[in-house]
Amino acid sequence: MARRRRSSALNLSIWCVTNSSLQEPERLPLHIFSTITLRYLTFTLSEDTDGISTLDAMASTRPESHAEVMREVQNILDWAHRRFPDRHGPIEDGMAWNHDLLVQEEDGGWHTVTLSLAGSPQFIDAFAAEFGDAMD
């Protein structure tokens, strides 16, 4: 028996083969196929005196790994823009999230990348659900 699941999120058709029969497409939200794996960035959660939560991560790598770190950063920022569209900006102004990115080239060719994400409780919860393995 074919089943169809609908979501208000982005729909993706998938043909499922079960018991050697081809079933009709199933509509699934894209986020269930998350393939974002973080190898370099590990986030620490803190809260300031104003109650704003911040996730901080730093990675120091040799030049040959720098592009991978920057891909991780871009994947996180892309996720945040998709998950909280039009809500990027100062938290104190009611936005859901904001970020600060610092990239430095150190002595000996090392590259240090620091990413800080300030977020509302909803953003922090969504981040933890998506990237919980990358949090201390």
C-alpha atoms as a PDB file:
ATOM      1  CA  MET A   1       0.000   0.000   0.000  1.00  0.00           C
ATOM      2  CA  ALA A   2       1.425   3.375  -0.993  1.00  0.00           C
ATOM      3  CA  ARG A   3       1.489   6.129   1.585  1.00  0.00           C
ATOM      4  CA  ARG A   4       1.832   9.808   1.022  1.00  0.00           C
ATOM      5  CA  ARG A   5       3.044  12.259   3.656  1.00  0.00           C
ATOM      6  CA  ARG A   6       2.626  15.994   3.139  1.00  0.00           C
ATOM      7  CA  SER A   7       4.525  18.818   4.771  1.00  0.00           C
ATOM      8  CA  SER A   8       4.256  22.578   4.515  1.00  0.00           C
ATOM      9  CA  ALA A   9       8.042  22.645   4.267  1.00  0.00           C
ATOM     10  CA  LEU A  10       9.915  22.241   1.008  1.00  0.00           C
ATOM     11  CA  ASN A  11       8.557  19.126  -0.684  1.00  0.00           C
ATOM     12  CA  LEU A  12      10.843  16.518  -2.122  1.00  0.00           C
ATOM     13  CA  SER A  13       9.617  13.528  -4.119  1.00  0.00           C
ATOM     14  CA  ILE A  14      11.202  10.192  -3.375  1.00  0.00           C
ATOM     15  CA  TRP A  15      10.405   6.944  -5.111  1.00  0.00           C
ATOM     16  CA  CYS A  16      10.488   4.113  -2.596  1.00  0.00           C
ATOM     17  CA  VAL A  17      11.176   0.529  -3.555  1.00  0.00           C
ATOM     18  CA  THR A  18       9.560  -1.884  -1.126  1.00  0.00           C
ATOM     19  CA  ASN A  19       9.202  -5.618  -1.681  1.00  0.00           C
ATOM     20  CA  SER A  20      10.417  -5.186  -5.260  1.00  0.00           C
ATOM     21  CA  SER A  21       7.569  -2.836  -6.186  1.00  0.00           C
ATOM     22  CA  LEU A  22       7.850   0.826  -7.039  1.00  0.00           C
ATOM     23  CA  GLN A  23       5.595   3.044  -4.946  1.00  0.00           C
ATOM     24  CA  GLU A  24       4.276   6.507  -5.673  1.00  0.00           C
ATOM     25  CA  PRO A  25       6.392   9.482  -4.589  1.00  0.00           C
ATOM     26  CA  GLU A  26       6.378  10.427  -0.949  1.00  0.00           C
ATOM     27  CA  ARG A  27       6.657  14.095   0.009  1.00  0.00           C
ATOM     28  CA  LEU A  28       9.157  14.595   2.815  1.00  0.00           C
ATOM     29  CA  PRO A  29      10.571  17.773   4.363  1.00  0.00           C
ATOM     30  CA  LEU A  30      14.119  18.440   3.228  1.00  0.00           C
ATOM     31  CA  HIS A  31      15.478  18.819   6.781  1.00  0.00           C
ATOM     32  CA  ILE A  32      15.170  15.085   7.445  1.00  0.00           C
ATOM     33  CA  PHE A  33      17.981  14.601   4.939  1.00  0.00           C
ATOM     34  CA  SER A  34      20.411  16.819   6.814  1.00  0.00           C
ATOM     35  CA  THR A  35      23.933  15.881   5.832  1.00  0.00           C
ATOM     36  CA  ILE A  36      25.720  18.614   7.712  1.00  0.00           C
ATOM     37  CA  THR A  37      28.544  16.955   9.574  1.00  0.00           C
ATOM     38  CA  LEU A  38      30.852  19.093  11.660  1.00  0.00           C
ATOM     39  CA  ARG A  39      34.395  17.795  11.963  1.00  0.00           C
ATOM     40  CA  TYR A  40      36.218  20.963  12.985  1.00  0.00           C
ATOM     41  CA  LEU A  41      33.755  23.212  14.804  1.00  0.00           C
ATOM     42  CA  THR A  42      32.596  22.401  18.342  1.00  0.00           C
ATOM     43  CA  PHE A  43      30.293  24.909  19.993  1.00  0.00           C
ATOM     44  CA  THR A  44      30.151  26.045  23.612  1.00  0.00           C
ATOM     45  CA  LEU A  45      26.933  27.611  24.889  1.00  0.00           C
ATOM     46  CA  SER A  46      27.054  30.574  27.252  1.00  0.00           C
ATOM     47  CA  GLU A  47      24.625  33.218  28.472  1.00  0.00           C
ATOM     48  CA  ASP A  48      25.484  36.821  29.230  1.00  0.00           C
ATOM     49  CA  THR A  49      24.087  38.999  32.009  1.00  0.00           C
ATOM     50  CA  ASP A  50      21.334  40.264  29.666  1.00  0.00           C
ATOM     51  CA  GLY A  51      20.085  36.697  29.101  1.00  0.00           C
ATOM     52  CA  ILE A  52      21.337  36.435  25.513  1.00  0.00           C
ATOM     53  CA  SER A  53      22.633  32.975  24.637  1.00  0.00           C
ATOM     54  CA  THR A  54      25.762  32.638  22.536  1.00  0.00           C
ATOM     55  CA  LEU A  55      27.298  29.651  20.788  1.00  0.00           C
ATOM     56  CA  ASP A  56      31.052  30.001  20.203  1.00  0.00           C
ATOM     57  CA  ALA A  57      33.343  27.773  18.146  1.00  0.00           C
ATOM     58  CA  MET A  58      36.969  28.028  17.074  1.00  0.00           C
ATOM     59  CA  ALA A  59      39.048  25.901  14.735  1.00  0.00           C
ATOM     60  CA  SER A  60      42.770  26.262  14.049  1.00  0.00           C
ATOM     61  CA  THR A  61      43.973  24.287  11.061  1.00  0.00           C
ATOM     62  CA  ARG A  62      46.760  23.990   8.563  1.00  0.00           C
ATOM     63  CA  PRO A  63      46.097  25.619   5.175  1.00  0.00           C
ATOM     64  CA  GLU A  64      45.048  22.332   3.532  1.00  0.00           C
ATOM     65  CA  SER A  65      42.071  22.023   5.925  1.00  0.00           C
ATOM     66  CA  HIS A  66      41.004  25.669   5.936  1.00  0.00           C
ATOM     67  CA  ALA A  67      38.522  25.267   3.065  1.00  0.00           C
ATOM     68  CA  GLU A  68      36.756  22.441   4.937  1.00  0.00           C
ATOM     69  CA  VAL A  69      36.355  24.634   8.016  1.00  0.00           C
ATOM     70  CA  MET A  70      34.950  27.450   5.905  1.00  0.00           C
ATOM     71  CA  ARG A  71      32.475  25.004   4.297  1.00  0.00           C
ATOM     72  CA  GLU A  72      31.291  24.050   7.786  1.00  0.00           C
ATOM     73  CA  VAL A  73      30.833  27.735   8.654  1.00  0.00           C
ATOM     74  CA  GLN A  74      28.915  28.336   5.419  1.00  0.00           C
ATOM     75  CA  ASN A  75      26.715  25.286   5.994  1.00  0.00           C
ATOM     76  CA  ILE A  76      25.813  26.530   9.479  1.00  0.00           C
ATOM     77  CA  LEU A  77      25.037  30.042   8.242  1.00  0.00           C
ATOM     78  CA  ASP A  78      23.003  28.646   5.320  1.00  0.00           C
ATOM     79  CA  TRP A  79      21.034  26.471   7.749  1.00  0.00           C
ATOM     80  CA  ALA A  80      20.357  29.460  10.016  1.00  0.00           C
ATOM     81  CA  HIS A  81      19.178  31.618   7.092  1.00  0.00           C
ATOM     82  CA  ARG A  82      16.882  28.817   5.868  1.00  0.00           C
ATOM     83  CA  ARG A  83      15.520  27.957   9.325  1.00  0.00           C
ATOM     84  CA  PHE A  84      15.052  31.584  10.463  1.00  0.00           C
ATOM     85  CA  PRO A  85      14.615  33.603   7.261  1.00  0.00           C
ATOM     86  CA  ASP A  86      14.484  37.374   7.636  1.00  0.00           C
ATOM     87  CA  ARG A  87      15.317  37.057  11.352  1.00  0.00           C
ATOM     88  CA  HIS A  88      19.073  37.706  11.248  1.00  0.00           C
ATOM     89  CA  GLY A  89      20.182  40.738  13.214  1.00  0.00           C
ATOM     90  CA  PRO A  90      20.569  42.092  16.738  1.00  0.00           C
ATOM     91  CA  ILE A  91      18.863  39.866  19.313  1.00  0.00           C
ATOM     92  CA  GLU A  92      18.056  42.896  21.464  1.00  0.00           C
ATOM     93  CA  ASP A  93      16.019  44.236  18.504  1.00  0.00           C
ATOM     94  CA  GLY A  94      13.862  41.093  18.479  1.00  0.00           C
ATOM     95  CA  MET A  95      15.722  39.145  15.818  1.00  0.00           C
ATOM     96  CA  ALA A  96      16.221  35.364  16.190  1.00  0.00           C
ATOM     97  CA  TRP A  97      19.950  35.171  15.582  1.00  0.00           C
ATOM     98  CA  ASN A  98      23.112  37.076  14.749  1.00  0.00           C
ATOM     99  CA  HIS A  99      26.653  36.031  14.017  1.00  0.00           C
ATOM    100  CA  ASP A 100      30.235  37.195  14.114  1.00  0.00           C
ATOM    101  CA  LEU A 101      32.930  35.522  12.021  1.00  0.00           C
ATOM    102  CA  LEU A 102      36.649  36.114  12.444  1.00  0.00           C
ATOM    103  CA  VAL A 103      39.240  34.510  10.178  1.00  0.00           C
ATOM    104  CA  GLN A 104      42.934  34.986  10.936  1.00  0.00           C
ATOM    105  CA  GLU A 105      46.121  33.649   9.419  1.00  0.00           C
ATOM    106  CA  GLU A 106      48.564  32.872  12.216  1.00  0.00           C
ATOM    107  CA  ASP A 107      52.316  32.364  12.270  1.00  0.00           C
ATOM    108  CA  GLY A 108      53.432  29.095  10.735  1.00  0.00           C
ATOM    109  CA  GLY A 109      50.599  29.090   8.200  1.00  0.00           C
ATOM    110  CA  TRP A 110      47.848  28.150  10.659  1.00  0.00           C
ATOM    111  CA  HIS A 111      44.354  29.504   9.994  1.00  0.00           C
ATOM    112  CA  THR A 112      42.078  30.283  12.934  1.00  0.00           C
ATOM    113  CA  VAL A 113      38.350  30.609  12.378  1.00  0.00           C
ATOM    114  CA  THR A 114      36.067  31.826  15.159  1.00  0.00           C
ATOM    115  CA  LEU A 115      32.295  31.746  14.735  1.00  0.00           C
ATOM    116  CA  SER A 116      29.932  33.193  17.337  1.00  0.00           C
ATOM    117  CA  LEU A 117      26.169  32.816  17.061  1.00  0.00           C
ATOM    118  CA  ALA A 118      23.891  34.796  19.363  1.00  0.00           C
ATOM    119  CA  GLY A 119      20.381  33.423  19.447  1.00  0.00           C
ATOM    120  CA  SER A 120      16.900  33.521  20.854  1.00  0.00           C
ATOM    121  CA  PRO A 121      15.774  30.503  22.889  1.00  0.00           C
ATOM    122  CA  GLN A 122      14.020  29.157  19.767  1.00  0.00           C
ATOM    123  CA  PHE A 123      17.208  29.484  17.709  1.00  0.00           C
ATOM    124  CA  ILE A 124      19.326  27.778  20.385  1.00  0.00           C
ATOM    125  CA  ASP A 125      16.813  24.919  20.641  1.00  0.00           C
ATOM    126  CA  ALA A 126      16.732  24.462  16.858  1.00  0.00           C
ATOM    127  CA  PHE A 127      20.537  24.594  16.691  1.00  0.00           C
ATOM    128  CA  ALA A 128      20.833  21.973  19.437  1.00  0.00           C
ATOM    129  CA  ALA A 129      18.367  19.730  17.605  1.00  0.00           C
ATOM    130  CA  GLU A 130      20.304  20.054  14.348  1.00  0.00           C
ATOM    131  CA  PHE A 131      23.900  20.167  15.620  1.00  0.00           C
ATOM    132  CA  GLY A 132      23.683  18.707  19.118  1.00  0.00           C
ATOM    133  CA  ASP A 133      26.671  16.439  18.480  1.00  0.00           C
ATOM    134  CA  ALA A 134      28.802  19.544  17.900  1.00  0.00           C
ATOM    135  CA  MET A 135      28.021  21.100  21.276  1.00  0.00           C
ATOM    136  CA  ASP A 136      30.095  20.736  24.435  1.00  0.00           C
END
